[in-house]
Amino acid sequence: MMSEFDYLQEVTVWDETSYSVSNHTYILNKAGQLAGYIKSGTSAEIWFKSPMKQFSKSRRKFKRVNKPN
């Protein structure tokens, strides 16, 4: 059964910043809109009331992952 959401874990290397940047797991709907996210180091899904339509994957790297248990 196909999920209605894609889980993308960010794997961007932030070596050119002078501060710490966390890579989270992002939950996208089939339209590519950001529906929620999972903070790095946790498994709790945080959902938005309405999807964020301006989420951009440009200049970042992601890998598709299965929904965490």
N, C-alpha and C. Protein backbone atom coordinates (compact mmCIF):
# COMPACT_ATOMS: atom_id res chain seq x y z
N MET A 1 0.84 -1.18 0.00
CA MET A 1 0.00 0.00 0.00
C MET A 1 0.88 1.25 0.00
N MET A 2 0.58 2.17 -0.88
CA MET A 2 1.34 3.41 -0.99
C MET A 2 0.89 4.41 0.06
N SER A 3 1.83 5.09 0.64
CA SER A 3 1.53 6.14 1.60
C SER A 3 1.16 7.41 0.85
N GLU A 4 0.31 8.21 1.46
CA GLU A 4 -0.03 9.48 0.82
C GLU A 4 1.02 10.56 1.11
N PHE A 5 2.04 10.21 1.89
CA PHE A 5 3.09 11.15 2.23
C PHE A 5 4.47 10.55 1.93
N ASP A 6 5.41 11.43 1.57
CA ASP A 6 6.80 11.04 1.39
C ASP A 6 7.60 11.59 2.56
N TYR A 7 8.48 10.76 3.10
CA TYR A 7 9.35 11.16 4.21
C TYR A 7 10.75 11.37 3.65
N LEU A 8 11.26 12.59 3.76
CA LEU A 8 12.58 12.92 3.24
C LEU A 8 13.49 13.36 4.38
N GLN A 9 14.56 12.62 4.58
CA GLN A 9 15.53 12.97 5.61
C GLN A 9 16.60 13.83 4.97
N GLU A 10 16.82 15.00 5.54
CA GLU A 10 17.84 15.89 4.98
C GLU A 10 19.23 15.37 5.33
N VAL A 11 20.11 15.36 4.35
CA VAL A 11 21.49 14.89 4.55
C VAL A 11 22.49 15.96 4.10
N THR A 12 22.05 17.20 4.03
CA THR A 12 22.91 18.31 3.62
C THR A 12 24.07 18.45 4.60
N VAL A 13 25.27 18.67 4.06
CA VAL A 13 26.45 18.94 4.87
C VAL A 13 26.56 20.46 4.97
N TRP A 14 26.43 20.97 6.17
CA TRP A 14 26.45 22.42 6.41
C TRP A 14 27.84 22.85 6.89
N ASP A 15 28.87 22.58 6.10
CA ASP A 15 30.24 22.89 6.53
C ASP A 15 30.66 24.33 6.28
N GLU A 16 29.87 25.09 5.54
CA GLU A 16 30.23 26.47 5.25
C GLU A 16 29.52 27.48 6.15
N THR A 17 28.90 27.00 7.22
CA THR A 17 28.23 27.90 8.15
C THR A 17 29.04 28.00 9.44
N SER A 18 28.92 29.13 10.09
CA SER A 18 29.63 29.33 11.35
C SER A 18 28.78 28.93 12.54
N TYR A 19 27.60 28.37 12.28
CA TYR A 19 26.69 27.95 13.34
C TYR A 19 26.18 26.55 13.05
N SER A 20 25.55 25.94 14.02
CA SER A 20 25.07 24.57 13.89
C SER A 20 23.69 24.53 13.22
N VAL A 21 23.54 23.66 12.23
CA VAL A 21 22.26 23.49 11.53
C VAL A 21 21.86 22.02 11.66
N SER A 22 20.66 21.78 12.15
CA SER A 22 20.15 20.41 12.30
C SER A 22 19.44 19.96 11.03
N ASN A 23 19.66 18.72 10.65
CA ASN A 23 18.95 18.13 9.52
C ASN A 23 17.75 17.35 10.05
N HIS A 24 16.57 17.75 9.68
CA HIS A 24 15.35 17.10 10.14
C HIS A 24 14.79 16.18 9.05
N THR A 25 13.74 15.45 9.36
CA THR A 25 13.01 14.66 8.38
C THR A 25 11.74 15.42 8.04
N TYR A 26 11.50 15.62 6.76
CA TYR A 26 10.37 16.41 6.30
C TYR A 26 9.30 15.50 5.70
N ILE A 27 8.04 15.83 5.97
CA ILE A 27 6.91 15.04 5.49
C ILE A 27 6.22 15.85 4.40
N LEU A 28 6.27 15.34 3.18
CA LEU A 28 5.68 16.03 2.05
C LEU A 28 4.45 15.28 1.55
N ASN A 29 3.43 16.03 1.15
CA ASN A 29 2.26 15.39 0.53
C ASN A 29 2.59 15.11 -0.94
N LYS A 30 1.68 14.50 -1.64
CA LYS A 30 1.95 14.10 -3.04
C LYS A 30 2.11 15.30 -3.96
N ALA A 31 1.65 16.49 -3.53
CA ALA A 31 1.81 17.71 -4.32
C ALA A 31 3.17 18.36 -4.06
N GLY A 32 3.98 17.78 -3.16
CA GLY A 32 5.30 18.32 -2.84
C GLY A 32 5.26 19.43 -1.81
N GLN A 33 4.13 19.59 -1.14
CA GLN A 33 3.98 20.61 -0.11
C GLN A 33 4.36 20.04 1.24
N LEU A 34 4.96 20.87 2.09
CA LEU A 34 5.41 20.43 3.40
C LEU A 34 4.22 20.30 4.34
N ALA A 35 3.92 19.07 4.73
CA ALA A 35 2.77 18.80 5.60
C ALA A 35 3.18 18.70 7.06
N GLY A 36 4.46 18.40 7.32
CA GLY A 36 4.94 18.28 8.69
C GLY A 36 6.41 17.93 8.69
N TYR A 37 6.94 17.68 9.88
CA TYR A 37 8.36 17.32 10.00
C TYR A 37 8.60 16.56 11.28
N ILE A 38 9.77 15.95 11.36
CA ILE A 38 10.22 15.23 12.56
C ILE A 38 11.56 15.84 12.94
N LYS A 39 11.65 16.39 14.15
CA LYS A 39 12.89 17.00 14.59
C LYS A 39 14.00 15.96 14.67
N SER A 40 15.19 16.38 14.35
CA SER A 40 16.36 15.51 14.41
C SER A 40 16.52 14.93 15.81
N GLY A 41 16.73 13.63 15.91
CA GLY A 41 16.93 12.97 17.20
C GLY A 41 15.65 12.55 17.89
N THR A 42 14.49 12.81 17.26
CA THR A 42 13.21 12.41 17.85
C THR A 42 12.44 11.56 16.85
N SER A 43 11.28 11.04 17.26
CA SER A 43 10.43 10.29 16.34
C SER A 43 9.02 10.85 16.30
N ALA A 44 8.78 11.97 17.01
CA ALA A 44 7.44 12.57 17.05
C ALA A 44 7.18 13.38 15.78
N GLU A 45 6.07 13.08 15.13
CA GLU A 45 5.69 13.83 13.93
C GLU A 45 4.98 15.11 14.34
N ILE A 46 5.39 16.22 13.74
CA ILE A 46 4.76 17.52 13.99
C ILE A 46 4.06 17.92 12.69
N TRP A 47 2.74 18.05 12.73
CA TRP A 47 1.93 18.32 11.55
C TRP A 47 1.47 19.77 11.53
N PHE A 48 1.44 20.36 10.35
CA PHE A 48 0.94 21.72 10.19
C PHE A 48 -0.58 21.68 9.95
N LYS A 49 -1.28 22.75 10.32
CA LYS A 49 -2.73 22.82 10.08
C LYS A 49 -3.03 22.78 8.59
N SER A 50 -2.20 23.45 7.81
CA SER A 50 -2.32 23.40 6.35
C SER A 50 -0.92 23.31 5.77
N PRO A 51 -0.74 22.60 4.66
CA PRO A 51 0.59 22.39 4.08
C PRO A 51 1.26 23.70 3.68
N MET A 52 2.57 23.74 3.83
CA MET A 52 3.35 24.90 3.42
C MET A 52 3.68 24.72 1.94
N LYS A 53 3.16 25.60 1.11
CA LYS A 53 3.30 25.47 -0.34
C LYS A 53 4.65 25.96 -0.87
N GLN A 54 5.38 26.74 -0.08
CA GLN A 54 6.63 27.31 -0.57
C GLN A 54 7.87 26.57 -0.07
N PHE A 55 7.72 25.34 0.38
CA PHE A 55 8.87 24.54 0.79
C PHE A 55 9.74 24.28 -0.43
N SER A 56 11.04 24.48 -0.29
CA SER A 56 11.96 24.29 -1.41
C SER A 56 13.06 23.30 -1.03
N LYS A 57 13.37 22.41 -1.96
CA LYS A 57 14.46 21.45 -1.76
C LYS A 57 15.75 21.91 -2.42
N SER A 58 15.74 23.10 -3.01
CA SER A 58 16.93 23.57 -3.71
C SER A 58 18.09 23.82 -2.75
N ARG A 59 19.30 23.53 -3.23
CA ARG A 59 20.57 23.68 -2.49
C ARG A 59 20.66 22.81 -1.25
N ARG A 60 19.82 21.80 -1.16
CA ARG A 60 19.83 20.87 -0.04
C ARG A 60 19.80 19.45 -0.59
N LYS A 61 20.21 18.48 0.24
CA LYS A 61 20.22 17.08 -0.18
C LYS A 61 19.32 16.28 0.75
N PHE A 62 18.59 15.34 0.16
CA PHE A 62 17.65 14.51 0.91
C PHE A 62 17.76 13.06 0.47
N LYS A 63 17.34 12.18 1.37
CA LYS A 63 17.17 10.78 0.99
C LYS A 63 15.78 10.36 1.45
N ARG A 64 15.13 9.57 0.62
CA ARG A 64 13.78 9.08 0.95
C ARG A 64 13.91 8.00 2.00
N VAL A 65 13.10 8.09 3.05
CA VAL A 65 13.13 7.10 4.13
C VAL A 65 11.71 6.59 4.37
N ASN A 66 11.62 5.46 5.03
CA ASN A 66 10.32 4.92 5.41
C ASN A 66 9.78 5.68 6.60
N LYS A 67 8.48 5.64 6.76
CA LYS A 67 7.85 6.28 7.91
C LYS A 67 8.39 5.64 9.18
N PRO A 68 8.90 6.48 10.11
CA PRO A 68 9.43 5.91 11.35
C PRO A 68 8.32 5.29 12.19
N ASN A 69 8.66 4.30 12.99
CA ASN A 69 7.67 3.62 13.84
C ASN A 69 7.44 4.36 15.12
